Amino acid sequence: MSLSDFTYSGYLNALELIEKNGYSFANYHNYADYSLPCIMRHDVDFDVKAAFRLAKLESDFSKELKSTFFILLSSDFYNVFSRETTTSLNRILALGHDIGLHFDEKKYNCKNSETMMDTVYEEAYMLGKMLGVIIRAVSMHRPSKQTLEADYSFEGMQNSYSQVFIRDFKYLSDSRMYWRENAEHAIASGRHAKLHILTHPFWYSDEIETTKEKLLRFITGANKERYNYVTDNFSNLFDFVDGEDIG
C-alpha cells in the first residue's frame, strides 16, 4: 500500500518511510529545531470525524507526530460549535495535535489586505475561544492567486501558504485525491531537507476506493446521519419516519 492508494495502511507506510529517511516530525513553530523537519498538515474540508480518525492513527504511530488540523468556521458540512464537532476537536487536541484555522476568503468581500487580515484574526479568535486554545496557524481554503502572491504575515500565526513553507520546503499535496508527483519518491529521494505534506482526511479509508466511491459514500451517508440528528431532537420520530424509509 502507498499514499496513492488513499488507504490508512498506505498512509502508515508513508509515515514509516518518512522516519526511515531520517526526517523528524515537526510543526509550523519548531521546524527550525530539526535538521530534516517534516510538517504534516491536514485541511478538514468535509468531515471532522475523519480528521479525528487520522489524528488517532498518527498518535498511535508515534507520540512525536504532532500534526496541524485546519478547521473551517464557514463549512456547509460541519458546525464547529456543535457538541459533536467540539468533542471531536477536543479529542484531537488531547492527542497532542494542533488546531489551525482554515480560512475561506470567498465568504467575505475583502477589498484590501488589512480587511482580509482582520477577518482572519476574528475567525481565529472565535475558533480559539470555543476550544480554549490559541490558534497559531492559518491555512487558506482554495486561495486566490492574489492571496498566494500577497504572502500574508500574521502576528502570532504562521501562514501555511507563506513562501517559507512553499518555497523552502518540498511541498506535497493530495488535493482532489491526486498527488501531482510521486510522494514516496520525493520522500525517499534524499534531495529535500524539509518536507511539508498536505493531506485531506476525507480521502482516506480502510479499503481502496475510487474518488467517485468516496464521494458517493459521503453524500449518501448524510441521509442516515441527518436521521440520527433529527431523532435526538424530535420525540418519537419513528412514528412518522422509519430508518428504513431513508434507504
C-alpha atoms as a PDB file:
ATOM      1  CA  MET A   1       0.000   0.000   0.000  1.00  0.00           C
ATOM      2  CA  SER A   2       1.153   3.553  -0.723  1.00  0.00           C
ATOM      3  CA  LEU A   3      -0.124   7.117  -0.385  1.00  0.00           C
ATOM      4  CA  SER A   4      -1.588   6.898  -3.873  1.00  0.00           C
ATOM      5  CA  ASP A   5      -3.971   4.168  -2.621  1.00  0.00           C
ATOM      6  CA  PHE A   6      -5.533   6.626  -0.147  1.00  0.00           C
ATOM      7  CA  THR A   7      -5.890   3.897   2.479  1.00  0.00           C
ATOM      8  CA  TYR A   8      -4.957   4.060   6.144  1.00  0.00           C
ATOM      9  CA  SER A   9      -2.421   1.288   5.677  1.00  0.00           C
ATOM     10  CA  GLY A  10      -0.855   3.221   2.800  1.00  0.00           C
ATOM     11  CA  TYR A  11      -0.702   6.311   4.983  1.00  0.00           C
ATOM     12  CA  LEU A  12       1.039   4.372   7.743  1.00  0.00           C
ATOM     13  CA  ASN A  13       3.559   3.061   5.232  1.00  0.00           C
ATOM     14  CA  ALA A  14       4.316   6.652   4.232  1.00  0.00           C
ATOM     15  CA  LEU A  15       4.864   7.662   7.871  1.00  0.00           C
ATOM     16  CA  GLU A  16       7.303   4.782   8.250  1.00  0.00           C
ATOM     17  CA  LEU A  17       9.091   5.921   5.077  1.00  0.00           C
ATOM     18  CA  ILE A  18       9.408   9.451   6.445  1.00  0.00           C
ATOM     19  CA  GLU A  19      11.071   8.178   9.619  1.00  0.00           C
ATOM     20  CA  LYS A  20      13.230   5.673   7.724  1.00  0.00           C
ATOM     21  CA  ASN A  21      14.685   8.512   5.652  1.00  0.00           C
ATOM     22  CA  GLY A  22      15.757  10.452   8.715  1.00  0.00           C
ATOM     23  CA  TYR A  23      13.036  13.074   8.905  1.00  0.00           C
ATOM     24  CA  SER A  24      11.689  14.330  12.234  1.00  0.00           C
ATOM     25  CA  PHE A  25       8.016  15.216  12.579  1.00  0.00           C
ATOM     26  CA  ALA A  26       7.751  18.943  13.262  1.00  0.00           C
ATOM     27  CA  ASN A  27       5.173  21.709  13.238  1.00  0.00           C
ATOM     28  CA  TYR A  28       4.966  25.287  11.984  1.00  0.00           C
ATOM     29  CA  HIS A  29       6.711  26.636  15.071  1.00  0.00           C
ATOM     30  CA  ASN A  30       9.541  24.225  15.911  1.00  0.00           C
ATOM     31  CA  TYR A  31      10.750  23.071  12.475  1.00  0.00           C
ATOM     32  CA  ALA A  32      13.988  25.059  12.810  1.00  0.00           C
ATOM     33  CA  ASP A  33      14.972  22.766  15.699  1.00  0.00           C
ATOM     34  CA  TYR A  34      15.398  19.821  13.319  1.00  0.00           C
ATOM     35  CA  SER A  35      17.935  19.159  10.581  1.00  0.00           C
ATOM     36  CA  LEU A  36      15.340  17.273   8.480  1.00  0.00           C
ATOM     37  CA  PRO A  37      11.874  18.501   9.511  1.00  0.00           C
ATOM     38  CA  CYS A  38       8.612  17.156   8.122  1.00  0.00           C
ATOM     39  CA  ILE A  39       5.440  19.190   8.733  1.00  0.00           C
ATOM     40  CA  MET A  40       2.185  17.237   8.457  1.00  0.00           C
ATOM     41  CA  ARG A  41      -0.784  19.445   7.574  1.00  0.00           C
ATOM     42  CA  HIS A  42      -4.419  18.376   7.270  1.00  0.00           C
ATOM     43  CA  ASP A  43      -7.154  20.572   5.761  1.00  0.00           C
ATOM     44  CA  VAL A  44     -10.560  19.480   7.074  1.00  0.00           C
ATOM     45  CA  ASP A  45     -12.984  20.449   4.325  1.00  0.00           C
ATOM     46  CA  PHE A  46     -15.795  17.941   4.875  1.00  0.00           C
ATOM     47  CA  ASP A  47     -15.600  15.568   7.814  1.00  0.00           C
ATOM     48  CA  VAL A  48     -14.278  16.214  11.337  1.00  0.00           C
ATOM     49  CA  LYS A  49     -14.788  12.579  12.354  1.00  0.00           C
ATOM     50  CA  ALA A  50     -12.469  11.520   9.546  1.00  0.00           C
ATOM     51  CA  ALA A  51      -9.962  14.056  10.876  1.00  0.00           C
ATOM     52  CA  PHE A  52     -10.102  12.507  14.340  1.00  0.00           C
ATOM     53  CA  ARG A  53      -9.529   9.040  12.919  1.00  0.00           C
ATOM     54  CA  LEU A  54      -6.395  10.240  11.125  1.00  0.00           C
ATOM     55  CA  ALA A  55      -5.255  12.057  14.277  1.00  0.00           C
ATOM     56  CA  LYS A  56      -5.650   8.846  16.297  1.00  0.00           C
ATOM     57  CA  LEU A  57      -3.797   6.825  13.677  1.00  0.00           C
ATOM     58  CA  GLU A  58      -0.891   9.279  13.770  1.00  0.00           C
ATOM     59  CA  SER A  59      -0.803   9.348  17.571  1.00  0.00           C
ATOM     60  CA  ASP A  60      -0.756   5.551  17.731  1.00  0.00           C
ATOM     61  CA  PHE A  61       2.080   5.507  15.219  1.00  0.00           C
ATOM     62  CA  SER A  62       4.278   7.957  17.124  1.00  0.00           C
ATOM     63  CA  LYS A  63       3.785  10.231  20.115  1.00  0.00           C
ATOM     64  CA  GLU A  64       6.317  12.548  18.445  1.00  0.00           C
ATOM     65  CA  LEU A  65       3.977  13.123  15.493  1.00  0.00           C
ATOM     66  CA  LYS A  66       2.014  16.312  16.150  1.00  0.00           C
ATOM     67  CA  SER A  67       0.058  17.400  13.076  1.00  0.00           C
ATOM     68  CA  THR A  68      -1.924  20.565  12.476  1.00  0.00           C
ATOM     69  CA  PHE A  69      -5.595  20.118  11.557  1.00  0.00           C
ATOM     70  CA  PHE A  70      -7.052  23.195   9.856  1.00  0.00           C
ATOM     71  CA  ILE A  71     -10.743  23.750  10.595  1.00  0.00           C
ATOM     72  CA  LEU A  72     -13.290  25.796   8.641  1.00  0.00           C
ATOM     73  CA  LEU A  73     -15.622  28.093  10.538  1.00  0.00           C
ATOM     74  CA  SER A  74     -17.707  28.518   7.385  1.00  0.00           C
ATOM     75  CA  SER A  75     -18.152  24.872   6.369  1.00  0.00           C
ATOM     76  CA  ASP A  76     -21.506  23.779   4.962  1.00  0.00           C
ATOM     77  CA  PHE A  77     -20.720  20.210   6.096  1.00  0.00           C
ATOM     78  CA  TYR A  78     -19.998  20.583   9.811  1.00  0.00           C
ATOM     79  CA  ASN A  79     -20.744  23.059  12.576  1.00  0.00           C
ATOM     80  CA  VAL A  80     -17.692  23.806  14.716  1.00  0.00           C
ATOM     81  CA  PHE A  81     -19.941  24.985  17.548  1.00  0.00           C
ATOM     82  CA  SER A  82     -21.997  21.785  17.729  1.00  0.00           C
ATOM     83  CA  ARG A  83     -21.396  19.438  20.662  1.00  0.00           C
ATOM     84  CA  GLU A  84     -20.375  16.570  18.377  1.00  0.00           C
ATOM     85  CA  THR A  85     -17.822  18.595  16.419  1.00  0.00           C
ATOM     86  CA  THR A  86     -16.409  20.318  19.500  1.00  0.00           C
ATOM     87  CA  THR A  87     -15.966  16.911  21.142  1.00  0.00           C
ATOM     88  CA  SER A  88     -14.054  15.603  18.114  1.00  0.00           C
ATOM     89  CA  LEU A  89     -11.820  18.678  18.012  1.00  0.00           C
ATOM     90  CA  ASN A  90     -11.070  18.426  21.725  1.00  0.00           C
ATOM     91  CA  ARG A  91     -10.169  14.768  21.263  1.00  0.00           C
ATOM     92  CA  ILE A  92      -7.731  15.772  18.502  1.00  0.00           C
ATOM     93  CA  LEU A  93      -6.179  18.326  20.847  1.00  0.00           C
ATOM     94  CA  ALA A  94      -5.987  15.768  23.651  1.00  0.00           C
ATOM     95  CA  LEU A  95      -3.820  13.593  21.403  1.00  0.00           C
ATOM     96  CA  GLY A  96      -1.312  16.449  21.250  1.00  0.00           C
ATOM     97  CA  HIS A  97      -2.095  17.729  17.767  1.00  0.00           C
ATOM     98  CA  ASP A  98      -2.689  21.380  16.908  1.00  0.00           C
ATOM     99  CA  ILE A  99      -5.841  23.008  15.571  1.00  0.00           C
ATOM    100  CA  GLY A 100      -5.405  25.749  12.996  1.00  0.00           C
ATOM    101  CA  LEU A 101      -7.833  27.994  11.134  1.00  0.00           C
ATOM    102  CA  HIS A 102      -8.845  27.036   7.597  1.00  0.00           C
ATOM    103  CA  PHE A 103      -9.930  30.386   6.199  1.00  0.00           C
ATOM    104  CA  ASP A 104     -12.322  30.761   3.249  1.00  0.00           C
ATOM    105  CA  GLU A 105     -11.740  34.185   1.739  1.00  0.00           C
ATOM    106  CA  LYS A 106     -14.648  33.718  -0.691  1.00  0.00           C
ATOM    107  CA  LYS A 107     -17.067  34.077   2.195  1.00  0.00           C
ATOM    108  CA  TYR A 108     -16.073  37.728   2.532  1.00  0.00           C
ATOM    109  CA  ASN A 109     -15.753  40.761   0.330  1.00  0.00           C
ATOM    110  CA  CYS A 110     -12.317  41.809   1.493  1.00  0.00           C
ATOM    111  CA  LYS A 111     -11.369  44.849  -0.574  1.00  0.00           C
ATOM    112  CA  ASN A 112      -7.855  45.204   0.803  1.00  0.00           C
ATOM    113  CA  SER A 113      -5.217  43.236   2.689  1.00  0.00           C
ATOM    114  CA  GLU A 114      -5.974  44.960   6.007  1.00  0.00           C
ATOM    115  CA  THR A 115      -9.611  43.856   5.913  1.00  0.00           C
ATOM    116  CA  MET A 116      -8.556  40.358   4.914  1.00  0.00           C
ATOM    117  CA  MET A 117      -6.111  40.057   7.787  1.00  0.00           C
ATOM    118  CA  ASP A 118      -8.555  41.491  10.320  1.00  0.00           C
ATOM    119  CA  THR A 119     -11.131  38.897   9.286  1.00  0.00           C
ATOM    120  CA  VAL A 120      -8.603  36.079   9.713  1.00  0.00           C
ATOM    121  CA  TYR A 121      -7.834  37.340  13.228  1.00  0.00           C
ATOM    122  CA  GLU A 122     -11.549  37.476  14.057  1.00  0.00           C
ATOM    123  CA  GLU A 123     -12.162  33.887  12.929  1.00  0.00           C
ATOM    124  CA  ALA A 124      -9.029  32.663  14.713  1.00  0.00           C
ATOM    125  CA  TYR A 125     -10.228  34.325  17.911  1.00  0.00           C
ATOM    126  CA  MET A 126     -13.672  32.699  17.679  1.00  0.00           C
ATOM    127  CA  LEU A 127     -12.247  29.248  16.997  1.00  0.00           C
ATOM    128  CA  GLY A 128      -9.683  29.562  19.756  1.00  0.00           C
ATOM    129  CA  LYS A 129     -12.180  30.836  22.301  1.00  0.00           C
ATOM    130  CA  MET A 130     -14.535  27.977  21.551  1.00  0.00           C
ATOM    131  CA  LEU A 131     -11.765  25.385  22.079  1.00  0.00           C
ATOM    132  CA  GLY A 132      -9.934  27.186  24.874  1.00  0.00           C
ATOM    133  CA  VAL A 133      -6.672  27.399  22.914  1.00  0.00           C
ATOM    134  CA  ILE A 134      -4.680  29.984  20.997  1.00  0.00           C
ATOM    135  CA  ILE A 135      -4.837  29.458  17.225  1.00  0.00           C
ATOM    136  CA  ARG A 136      -1.276  29.725  15.966  1.00  0.00           C
ATOM    137  CA  ALA A 137      -1.574  28.757  12.294  1.00  0.00           C
ATOM    138  CA  VAL A 138      -3.823  29.573   9.351  1.00  0.00           C
ATOM    139  CA  SER A 139      -4.341  27.804   6.043  1.00  0.00           C
ATOM    140  CA  MET A 140      -6.263  29.356   3.173  1.00  0.00           C
ATOM    141  CA  HIS A 141      -9.136  27.368   1.683  1.00  0.00           C
ATOM    142  CA  ARG A 142      -8.805  27.332  -2.117  1.00  0.00           C
ATOM    143  CA  PRO A 143      -6.724  30.532  -2.050  1.00  0.00           C
ATOM    144  CA  SER A 144      -6.895  33.039  -4.872  1.00  0.00           C
ATOM    145  CA  LYS A 145      -3.815  33.946  -6.888  1.00  0.00           C
ATOM    146  CA  GLN A 146      -3.873  37.357  -5.237  1.00  0.00           C
ATOM    147  CA  THR A 147      -3.794  35.809  -1.764  1.00  0.00           C
ATOM    148  CA  LEU A 148      -0.955  33.466  -2.668  1.00  0.00           C
ATOM    149  CA  GLU A 149       1.097  36.295  -4.117  1.00  0.00           C
ATOM    150  CA  ALA A 150       0.408  38.526  -1.100  1.00  0.00           C
ATOM    151  CA  ASP A 151       2.412  36.187   1.165  1.00  0.00           C
ATOM    152  CA  TYR A 152       0.480  37.359   4.234  1.00  0.00           C
ATOM    153  CA  SER A 153       2.316  37.521   7.544  1.00  0.00           C
ATOM    154  CA  PHE A 154       0.043  37.268  10.600  1.00  0.00           C
ATOM    155  CA  GLU A 155       1.050  38.295  14.075  1.00  0.00           C
ATOM    156  CA  GLY A 156       1.100  35.240  16.316  1.00  0.00           C
ATOM    157  CA  MET A 157       0.079  32.890  13.491  1.00  0.00           C
ATOM    158  CA  GLN A 158       2.023  31.060  10.830  1.00  0.00           C
ATOM    159  CA  ASN A 159       0.590  31.162   7.323  1.00  0.00           C
ATOM    160  CA  SER A 160       0.919  27.681   5.799  1.00  0.00           C
ATOM    161  CA  TYR A 161       0.973  29.286   2.334  1.00  0.00           C
ATOM    162  CA  SER A 162       3.775  31.707   3.141  1.00  0.00           C
ATOM    163  CA  GLN A 163       6.813  31.451   0.892  1.00  0.00           C
ATOM    164  CA  VAL A 164       8.926  29.794   3.557  1.00  0.00           C
ATOM    165  CA  PHE A 165       6.602  26.774   3.645  1.00  0.00           C
ATOM    166  CA  ILE A 166       6.038  26.589  -0.108  1.00  0.00           C
ATOM    167  CA  ARG A 167       9.446  27.608  -1.470  1.00  0.00           C
ATOM    168  CA  ASP A 168      11.913  26.456   1.203  1.00  0.00           C
ATOM    169  CA  PHE A 169      10.125  23.169   1.889  1.00  0.00           C
ATOM    170  CA  LYS A 170       9.315  20.375  -0.542  1.00  0.00           C
ATOM    171  CA  TYR A 171       5.549  20.814  -0.708  1.00  0.00           C
ATOM    172  CA  LEU A 172       3.436  17.720  -1.419  1.00  0.00           C
ATOM    173  CA  SER A 173      -0.369  17.842  -1.629  1.00  0.00           C
ATOM    174  CA  ASP A 174      -3.168  15.321  -2.238  1.00  0.00           C
ATOM    175  CA  SER A 175      -5.759  17.918  -3.348  1.00  0.00           C
ATOM    176  CA  ARG A 176      -8.762  16.405  -5.168  1.00  0.00           C
ATOM    177  CA  MET A 177      -7.392  12.936  -4.278  1.00  0.00           C
ATOM    178  CA  TYR A 178      -4.449  13.430  -6.612  1.00  0.00           C
ATOM    179  CA  TRP A 179      -0.734  13.683  -5.892  1.00  0.00           C
ATOM    180  CA  ARG A 180       0.892  15.846  -8.539  1.00  0.00           C
ATOM    181  CA  GLU A 181       4.042  13.790  -8.178  1.00  0.00           C
ATOM    182  CA  ASN A 182       5.033  10.503  -6.586  1.00  0.00           C
ATOM    183  CA  ALA A 183       5.150  11.418  -2.907  1.00  0.00           C
ATOM    184  CA  GLU A 184       7.072   8.324  -1.842  1.00  0.00           C
ATOM    185  CA  HIS A 185       9.802   9.020  -4.394  1.00  0.00           C
ATOM    186  CA  ALA A 186      10.087  12.613  -3.165  1.00  0.00           C
ATOM    187  CA  ILE A 187      10.363  11.452   0.457  1.00  0.00           C
ATOM    188  CA  ALA A 188      12.980   8.793  -0.307  1.00  0.00           C
ATOM    189  CA  SER A 189      14.970  10.789  -2.866  1.00  0.00           C
ATOM    190  CA  GLY A 190      17.330  12.409  -0.376  1.00  0.00           C
ATOM    191  CA  ARG A 191      17.052  15.666  -2.315  1.00  0.00           C
ATOM    192  CA  HIS A 192      14.888  17.587   0.141  1.00  0.00           C
ATOM    193  CA  ALA A 193      15.998  18.907   3.519  1.00  0.00           C
ATOM    194  CA  LYS A 194      12.467  19.946   4.522  1.00  0.00           C
ATOM    195  CA  LEU A 195       9.082  18.349   3.811  1.00  0.00           C
ATOM    196  CA  HIS A 196       5.650  19.988   4.025  1.00  0.00           C
ATOM    197  CA  ILE A 197       2.901  17.423   3.392  1.00  0.00           C
ATOM    198  CA  LEU A 198      -0.768  18.358   2.981  1.00  0.00           C
ATOM    199  CA  THR A 199      -3.466  15.712   3.177  1.00  0.00           C
ATOM    200  CA  HIS A 200      -7.242  15.870   3.388  1.00  0.00           C
ATOM    201  CA  PRO A 201      -8.539  13.266   5.897  1.00  0.00           C
ATOM    202  CA  PHE A 202     -11.727  12.893   3.863  1.00  0.00           C
ATOM    203  CA  TRP A 203      -9.903  10.911   1.160  1.00  0.00           C
ATOM    204  CA  TYR A 204      -8.587   8.093   3.369  1.00  0.00           C
ATOM    205  CA  SER A 205     -10.400   4.831   4.067  1.00  0.00           C
ATOM    206  CA  ASP A 206      -9.809   1.222   5.087  1.00  0.00           C
ATOM    207  CA  GLU A 207     -10.130  -0.152   1.565  1.00  0.00           C
ATOM    208  CA  ILE A 208      -9.106   1.158  -1.840  1.00  0.00           C
ATOM    209  CA  GLU A 209     -11.925   3.241  -3.333  1.00  0.00           C
ATOM    210  CA  THR A 210     -12.242   5.461  -6.371  1.00  0.00           C
ATOM    211  CA  THR A 211     -12.866   9.176  -5.984  1.00  0.00           C
ATOM    212  CA  LYS A 212     -16.459   8.600  -7.077  1.00  0.00           C
ATOM    213  CA  GLU A 213     -16.965   5.861  -4.486  1.00  0.00           C
ATOM    214  CA  LYS A 214     -15.633   8.032  -1.664  1.00  0.00           C
ATOM    215  CA  LEU A 215     -17.827  10.973  -2.662  1.00  0.00           C
ATOM    216  CA  LEU A 216     -20.942   8.820  -3.033  1.00  0.00           C
ATOM    217  CA  ARG A 217     -20.363   7.154   0.338  1.00  0.00           C
ATOM    218  CA  PHE A 218     -20.147  10.562   1.981  1.00  0.00           C
ATOM    219  CA  ILE A 219     -23.147  12.022   0.151  1.00  0.00           C
ATOM    220  CA  THR A 220     -25.499   9.064   0.637  1.00  0.00           C
ATOM    221  CA  GLY A 221     -24.344   8.560   4.241  1.00  0.00           C
ATOM    222  CA  ALA A 222     -25.665  12.030   5.045  1.00  0.00           C
ATOM    223  CA  ASN A 223     -29.225  10.642   4.987  1.00  0.00           C
ATOM    224  CA  LYS A 224     -28.571   8.331   7.928  1.00  0.00           C
ATOM    225  CA  GLU A 225     -26.576  10.963   9.770  1.00  0.00           C
ATOM    226  CA  ARG A 226     -29.350  13.534   9.418  1.00  0.00           C
ATOM    227  CA  TYR A 227     -31.930  10.968  10.542  1.00  0.00           C
ATOM    228  CA  ASN A 228     -29.924  10.369  13.719  1.00  0.00           C
ATOM    229  CA  TYR A 229     -29.696  14.121  14.341  1.00  0.00           C
ATOM    230  CA  VAL A 230     -33.445  14.543  13.965  1.00  0.00           C
ATOM    231  CA  THR A 231     -34.013  11.555  16.292  1.00  0.00           C
ATOM    232  CA  ASP A 232     -32.136  13.411  19.011  1.00  0.00           C
ATOM    233  CA  ASN A 233     -34.328  16.496  18.568  1.00  0.00           C
ATOM    234  CA  PHE A 234     -37.760  15.092  17.666  1.00  0.00           C
ATOM    235  CA  SER A 235     -39.653  12.825  20.049  1.00  0.00           C
ATOM    236  CA  ASN A 236     -40.792   9.502  18.612  1.00  0.00           C
ATOM    237  CA  LEU A 237     -39.554  10.261  15.126  1.00  0.00           C
ATOM    238  CA  PHE A 238     -40.144   6.620  14.155  1.00  0.00           C
ATOM    239  CA  ASP A 239     -43.909   7.267  14.435  1.00  0.00           C
ATOM    240  CA  PHE A 240     -43.561   9.359  11.299  1.00  0.00           C
ATOM    241  CA  VAL A 241     -40.353   8.272   9.567  1.00  0.00           C
ATOM    242  CA  ASP A 242     -38.691   4.912   9.969  1.00  0.00           C
ATOM    243  CA  GLY A 243     -34.986   4.452   9.486  1.00  0.00           C
ATOM    244  CA  GLU A 244     -35.698   2.114   6.577  1.00  0.00           C
ATOM    245  CA  ASP A 245     -37.510   4.927   4.762  1.00  0.00           C
ATOM    246  CA  ILE A 246     -34.265   6.732   4.084  1.00  0.00           C
ATOM    247  CA  GLY A 247     -32.586   3.758   2.402  1.00  0.00           C
END
